């Protein structure tokens, strides 16, 4: 499956920015994120994995300039360590040009949400 590039919301109170890619590998969601501190210093990329059956909610908002995807897991700690996650939810922002890949990813994720 293709990886879909994204940006995260505020990291470190807005002093940092996260960029990465999300994909579905068999029965896992894989999120790779690299954080840029103060817009200048790159931290090493981190990889986070969790089972598709751990998804509690996937909310998609389509916008004119890009899309937003909110992911919640159960238990919350699975997503809590991902840079940009707050209150048990991770907000990912996608550029409009990646909408086709995002739609394919959402088709895979929708199969697992009850």
N, C-alpha and C. Protein backbone atom coordinates (compact mmCIF):
# COMPACT_ATOMS: atom_id res chain seq x y z
N UNK A 1 0.85 -1.19 0.00
CA UNK A 1 0.00 0.00 0.00
C UNK A 1 0.88 1.23 0.00
N UNK A 2 0.41 2.26 -0.64
CA UNK A 2 1.13 3.51 -0.69
C UNK A 2 1.13 4.22 0.65
N UNK A 3 2.19 4.92 0.92
CA UNK A 3 2.24 5.80 2.08
C UNK A 3 1.67 7.15 1.68
N UNK A 4 0.91 7.75 2.57
CA UNK A 4 0.31 9.05 2.30
C UNK A 4 1.00 10.08 3.18
N UNK A 5 1.64 11.10 2.60
CA UNK A 5 2.33 12.12 3.40
C UNK A 5 1.36 13.04 4.13
N UNK A 6 1.77 13.48 5.32
CA UNK A 6 0.92 14.34 6.14
C UNK A 6 1.78 15.30 6.95
N UNK A 7 1.11 16.26 7.56
CA UNK A 7 1.71 17.14 8.56
C UNK A 7 0.86 16.99 9.82
N UNK A 8 1.47 17.13 10.98
CA UNK A 8 0.72 17.04 12.22
C UNK A 8 0.35 18.43 12.69
N UNK A 9 -0.50 18.46 13.69
CA UNK A 9 -0.84 19.73 14.31
C UNK A 9 0.34 20.23 15.12
N UNK A 10 0.06 21.09 16.06
CA UNK A 10 1.12 21.66 16.89
C UNK A 10 1.83 20.58 17.69
N UNK A 11 3.14 20.64 17.64
CA UNK A 11 3.99 19.77 18.44
C UNK A 11 4.80 20.68 19.36
N UNK A 12 4.97 20.29 20.59
CA UNK A 12 5.71 21.09 21.58
C UNK A 12 5.14 22.50 21.70
N UNK A 13 3.82 22.60 21.78
CA UNK A 13 3.18 23.89 21.96
C UNK A 13 3.31 24.81 20.77
N UNK A 14 3.52 24.26 19.59
CA UNK A 14 3.63 25.09 18.39
C UNK A 14 5.05 25.45 18.01
N UNK A 15 6.03 25.05 18.81
CA UNK A 15 7.42 25.34 18.51
C UNK A 15 8.02 24.37 17.49
N UNK A 16 7.34 23.26 17.28
CA UNK A 16 7.83 22.24 16.36
C UNK A 16 6.73 21.83 15.39
N UNK A 17 7.15 21.18 14.33
CA UNK A 17 6.22 20.71 13.30
C UNK A 17 6.57 19.27 12.96
N UNK A 18 5.56 18.45 12.82
CA UNK A 18 5.78 17.06 12.44
C UNK A 18 5.37 16.81 11.00
N UNK A 19 6.16 16.04 10.31
CA UNK A 19 5.85 15.62 8.94
C UNK A 19 6.12 14.13 8.86
N UNK A 20 5.31 13.44 8.08
CA UNK A 20 5.51 12.00 7.99
C UNK A 20 4.64 11.36 6.95
N UNK A 21 4.42 10.06 7.14
CA UNK A 21 3.60 9.28 6.21
C UNK A 21 2.84 8.23 7.01
N UNK A 22 1.66 7.91 6.52
CA UNK A 22 0.82 6.88 7.13
C UNK A 22 0.50 5.84 6.07
N UNK A 23 0.45 4.59 6.49
CA UNK A 23 0.10 3.51 5.58
C UNK A 23 -0.53 2.36 6.37
N UNK A 24 -1.15 1.44 5.65
CA UNK A 24 -1.69 0.24 6.26
C UNK A 24 -0.89 -0.94 5.70
N UNK A 25 -0.26 -1.69 6.60
CA UNK A 25 0.48 -2.90 6.25
C UNK A 25 -0.27 -4.09 6.82
N UNK A 26 -0.88 -4.87 5.95
CA UNK A 26 -1.67 -6.03 6.34
C UNK A 26 -2.69 -5.66 7.40
N UNK A 27 -2.43 -5.95 8.68
CA UNK A 27 -3.40 -5.66 9.73
C UNK A 27 -2.91 -4.60 10.71
N UNK A 28 -1.96 -3.77 10.27
CA UNK A 28 -1.40 -2.72 11.12
C UNK A 28 -1.47 -1.36 10.44
N UNK A 29 -1.65 -0.33 11.26
CA UNK A 29 -1.49 1.05 10.81
C UNK A 29 -0.07 1.45 11.18
N UNK A 30 0.67 1.98 10.22
CA UNK A 30 2.05 2.40 10.46
C UNK A 30 2.13 3.90 10.22
N UNK A 31 2.61 4.61 11.24
CA UNK A 31 2.77 6.06 11.16
C UNK A 31 4.24 6.38 11.38
N UNK A 32 4.86 7.02 10.40
CA UNK A 32 6.25 7.45 10.52
C UNK A 32 6.26 8.98 10.58
N UNK A 33 6.94 9.52 11.59
CA UNK A 33 6.94 10.97 11.81
C UNK A 33 8.35 11.47 12.07
N UNK A 34 8.67 12.61 11.49
CA UNK A 34 9.91 13.32 11.79
C UNK A 34 9.52 14.72 12.25
N UNK A 35 10.07 15.12 13.38
CA UNK A 35 9.75 16.42 13.96
C UNK A 35 10.87 17.40 13.66
N UNK A 36 10.47 18.59 13.23
CA UNK A 36 11.42 19.68 12.98
C UNK A 36 11.24 20.70 14.10
N UNK A 37 12.26 20.86 14.92
CA UNK A 37 12.19 21.74 16.09
C UNK A 37 12.58 23.16 15.67
N UNK A 38 11.75 24.13 16.04
CA UNK A 38 11.95 25.55 15.70
C UNK A 38 12.12 25.78 14.21
N UNK A 39 11.63 24.86 13.38
CA UNK A 39 11.72 25.01 11.95
C UNK A 39 13.12 24.82 11.39
N UNK A 40 14.08 24.38 12.23
CA UNK A 40 15.46 24.27 11.77
C UNK A 40 16.08 22.91 12.03
N UNK A 41 15.82 22.30 13.16
CA UNK A 41 16.52 21.08 13.56
C UNK A 41 15.63 19.86 13.40
N UNK A 42 16.08 18.90 12.61
CA UNK A 42 15.32 17.67 12.43
C UNK A 42 15.71 16.65 13.48
N UNK A 43 14.70 16.09 14.14
CA UNK A 43 14.94 14.95 15.01
C UNK A 43 14.84 13.70 14.16
N UNK A 44 15.35 12.60 14.64
CA UNK A 44 15.29 11.36 13.87
C UNK A 44 13.84 10.90 13.74
N UNK A 45 13.55 10.26 12.65
CA UNK A 45 12.19 9.79 12.39
C UNK A 45 11.84 8.67 13.35
N UNK A 46 10.57 8.66 13.78
CA UNK A 46 10.07 7.62 14.66
C UNK A 46 8.94 6.88 13.95
N UNK A 47 8.82 5.58 14.24
CA UNK A 47 7.77 4.76 13.66
C UNK A 47 6.85 4.26 14.76
N UNK A 48 5.55 4.39 14.53
CA UNK A 48 4.54 3.94 15.48
C UNK A 48 3.62 2.96 14.76
N UNK A 49 3.32 1.84 15.43
CA UNK A 49 2.46 0.81 14.84
C UNK A 49 1.36 0.44 15.83
N UNK A 50 0.18 0.18 15.29
CA UNK A 50 -0.88 -0.40 16.10
C UNK A 50 -1.81 -1.18 15.19
N UNK A 51 -2.51 -2.12 15.79
CA UNK A 51 -3.39 -3.01 15.04
C UNK A 51 -4.63 -2.26 14.54
N UNK A 52 -5.13 -2.67 13.39
CA UNK A 52 -6.35 -2.07 12.85
C UNK A 52 -7.53 -2.28 13.79
N UNK A 53 -7.52 -3.38 14.53
CA UNK A 53 -8.62 -3.65 15.45
C UNK A 53 -8.61 -2.70 16.65
N UNK A 54 -7.51 -1.96 16.86
CA UNK A 54 -7.43 -0.99 17.95
C UNK A 54 -8.02 0.36 17.58
N UNK A 55 -8.44 0.55 16.35
CA UNK A 55 -9.04 1.81 15.93
C UNK A 55 -10.39 1.99 16.60
N UNK A 56 -10.60 3.14 17.20
CA UNK A 56 -11.90 3.45 17.79
C UNK A 56 -12.68 4.40 16.89
N UNK A 57 -11.97 5.38 16.32
CA UNK A 57 -12.64 6.37 15.47
C UNK A 57 -11.67 6.89 14.43
N UNK A 58 -12.17 7.05 13.22
CA UNK A 58 -11.44 7.71 12.15
C UNK A 58 -12.40 8.72 11.54
N UNK A 59 -12.08 9.99 11.71
CA UNK A 59 -12.96 11.07 11.22
C UNK A 59 -12.23 11.82 10.13
N UNK A 60 -12.88 11.95 8.99
CA UNK A 60 -12.28 12.61 7.82
C UNK A 60 -13.05 13.90 7.52
N UNK A 61 -12.30 15.00 7.37
CA UNK A 61 -12.89 16.28 6.97
C UNK A 61 -12.25 16.71 5.66
N UNK A 62 -13.06 16.84 4.66
CA UNK A 62 -12.57 17.26 3.35
C UNK A 62 -12.65 18.78 3.26
N UNK A 63 -11.57 19.42 2.85
CA UNK A 63 -11.54 20.87 2.71
C UNK A 63 -11.13 21.26 1.31
N UNK A 64 -11.24 22.54 1.01
CA UNK A 64 -10.90 23.02 -0.32
C UNK A 64 -9.39 22.90 -0.59
N UNK A 65 -8.57 23.25 0.39
CA UNK A 65 -7.12 23.22 0.20
C UNK A 65 -6.48 21.92 0.64
N UNK A 66 -7.16 21.15 1.46
CA UNK A 66 -6.60 19.90 1.95
C UNK A 66 -7.58 19.20 2.87
N UNK A 67 -7.19 18.03 3.34
CA UNK A 67 -8.05 17.22 4.18
C UNK A 67 -7.44 17.05 5.56
N UNK A 68 -8.31 16.77 6.52
CA UNK A 68 -7.87 16.48 7.89
C UNK A 68 -8.41 15.12 8.29
N UNK A 69 -7.59 14.37 8.99
CA UNK A 69 -7.97 13.05 9.46
C UNK A 69 -7.67 12.99 10.95
N UNK A 70 -8.69 12.64 11.74
CA UNK A 70 -8.52 12.49 13.18
C UNK A 70 -8.62 11.00 13.50
N UNK A 71 -7.63 10.50 14.21
CA UNK A 71 -7.58 9.07 14.56
C UNK A 71 -7.60 8.94 16.07
N UNK A 72 -8.45 8.05 16.57
CA UNK A 72 -8.48 7.69 17.98
C UNK A 72 -8.34 6.18 18.08
N UNK A 73 -7.62 5.74 19.11
CA UNK A 73 -7.45 4.31 19.34
C UNK A 73 -7.97 3.95 20.72
N UNK A 74 -8.18 2.67 20.93
CA UNK A 74 -8.47 2.18 22.27
C UNK A 74 -7.46 1.08 22.55
N UNK A 75 -6.69 1.17 23.55
CA UNK A 75 -6.60 2.23 24.54
C UNK A 75 -5.91 3.47 23.97
N UNK A 76 -6.12 4.61 24.64
CA UNK A 76 -5.60 5.90 24.16
C UNK A 76 -4.08 5.93 24.10
N UNK A 77 -3.41 5.17 24.94
CA UNK A 77 -1.95 5.23 25.02
C UNK A 77 -1.29 4.82 23.70
N UNK A 78 -1.99 4.07 22.86
CA UNK A 78 -1.40 3.63 21.59
C UNK A 78 -1.05 4.82 20.70
N UNK A 79 -1.88 5.83 20.71
CA UNK A 79 -1.66 6.99 19.84
C UNK A 79 -1.03 8.14 20.61
N UNK A 80 -1.01 8.05 21.93
CA UNK A 80 -0.56 9.15 22.78
C UNK A 80 0.89 9.56 22.61
N UNK A 81 1.76 8.65 22.18
CA UNK A 81 3.17 8.97 22.03
C UNK A 81 3.53 9.56 20.66
N UNK A 82 2.58 9.55 19.73
CA UNK A 82 2.84 10.09 18.40
C UNK A 82 2.92 11.62 18.50
N UNK A 83 3.97 12.24 17.96
CA UNK A 83 4.06 13.70 18.01
C UNK A 83 2.83 14.36 17.38
N UNK A 84 2.24 15.29 18.11
CA UNK A 84 1.05 15.98 17.64
C UNK A 84 -0.23 15.43 18.22
N UNK A 85 -0.18 14.28 18.91
CA UNK A 85 -1.38 13.71 19.52
C UNK A 85 -1.72 14.46 20.80
N UNK A 86 -2.99 14.76 20.98
CA UNK A 86 -3.47 15.41 22.20
C UNK A 86 -4.79 14.78 22.59
N UNK A 87 -4.95 14.59 23.88
CA UNK A 87 -6.19 14.06 24.44
C UNK A 87 -6.65 12.77 23.76
N UNK A 88 -5.70 11.92 23.44
CA UNK A 88 -6.02 10.63 22.85
C UNK A 88 -6.41 10.65 21.39
N UNK A 89 -6.16 11.76 20.72
CA UNK A 89 -6.49 11.88 19.29
C UNK A 89 -5.29 12.44 18.53
N UNK A 90 -5.15 11.99 17.32
CA UNK A 90 -4.08 12.47 16.44
C UNK A 90 -4.72 13.12 15.23
N UNK A 91 -4.39 14.38 15.00
CA UNK A 91 -4.90 15.12 13.85
C UNK A 91 -3.81 15.17 12.79
N UNK A 92 -4.12 14.63 11.62
CA UNK A 92 -3.19 14.64 10.49
C UNK A 92 -3.77 15.52 9.39
N UNK A 93 -2.90 16.31 8.76
CA UNK A 93 -3.32 17.22 7.69
C UNK A 93 -2.69 16.76 6.38
N UNK A 94 -3.51 16.66 5.35
CA UNK A 94 -3.07 16.17 4.05
C UNK A 94 -3.30 17.24 2.99
N UNK A 95 -2.37 17.36 2.08
CA UNK A 95 -2.53 18.29 0.96
C UNK A 95 -3.53 17.72 -0.03
N UNK A 96 -4.18 18.62 -0.73
CA UNK A 96 -5.22 18.22 -1.68
C UNK A 96 -4.69 17.27 -2.76
N UNK A 97 -3.46 17.45 -3.15
CA UNK A 97 -2.91 16.61 -4.23
C UNK A 97 -2.75 15.15 -3.81
N UNK A 98 -2.85 14.85 -2.50
CA UNK A 98 -2.74 13.47 -2.01
C UNK A 98 -4.11 12.86 -1.70
N UNK A 99 -5.17 13.50 -2.18
CA UNK A 99 -6.52 13.06 -1.86
C UNK A 99 -6.81 11.65 -2.38
N UNK A 100 -6.35 11.30 -3.53
CA UNK A 100 -6.61 9.97 -4.10
C UNK A 100 -6.00 8.88 -3.23
N UNK A 101 -4.75 9.09 -2.81
CA UNK A 101 -4.10 8.12 -1.93
C UNK A 101 -4.79 8.05 -0.57
N UNK A 102 -5.22 9.21 -0.05
CA UNK A 102 -5.92 9.25 1.22
C UNK A 102 -7.24 8.49 1.13
N UNK A 103 -7.97 8.65 0.04
CA UNK A 103 -9.23 7.92 -0.13
C UNK A 103 -9.01 6.42 -0.14
N UNK A 104 -7.93 5.97 -0.76
CA UNK A 104 -7.61 4.53 -0.76
C UNK A 104 -7.29 4.06 0.66
N UNK A 105 -6.56 4.87 1.41
CA UNK A 105 -6.25 4.53 2.80
C UNK A 105 -7.52 4.47 3.64
N UNK A 106 -8.41 5.43 3.45
CA UNK A 106 -9.67 5.46 4.20
C UNK A 106 -10.54 4.24 3.90
N UNK A 107 -10.52 3.77 2.67
CA UNK A 107 -11.26 2.56 2.33
C UNK A 107 -10.77 1.38 3.17
N UNK A 108 -9.47 1.27 3.35
CA UNK A 108 -8.91 0.19 4.19
C UNK A 108 -9.29 0.37 5.65
N UNK A 109 -9.24 1.61 6.15
CA UNK A 109 -9.54 1.86 7.55
C UNK A 109 -11.02 1.69 7.86
N UNK A 110 -11.90 2.05 6.93
CA UNK A 110 -13.34 1.95 7.17
C UNK A 110 -13.79 0.51 7.38
N UNK A 111 -13.06 -0.44 6.86
CA UNK A 111 -13.41 -1.85 7.06
C UNK A 111 -13.28 -2.27 8.52
N UNK A 112 -12.51 -1.54 9.30
CA UNK A 112 -12.21 -1.94 10.67
C UNK A 112 -12.95 -1.14 11.71
N UNK A 113 -13.64 -0.08 11.32
CA UNK A 113 -14.37 0.74 12.28
C UNK A 113 -15.78 0.17 12.43
N UNK A 114 -16.17 -0.06 13.67
CA UNK A 114 -17.51 -0.62 13.92
C UNK A 114 -18.46 0.47 14.36
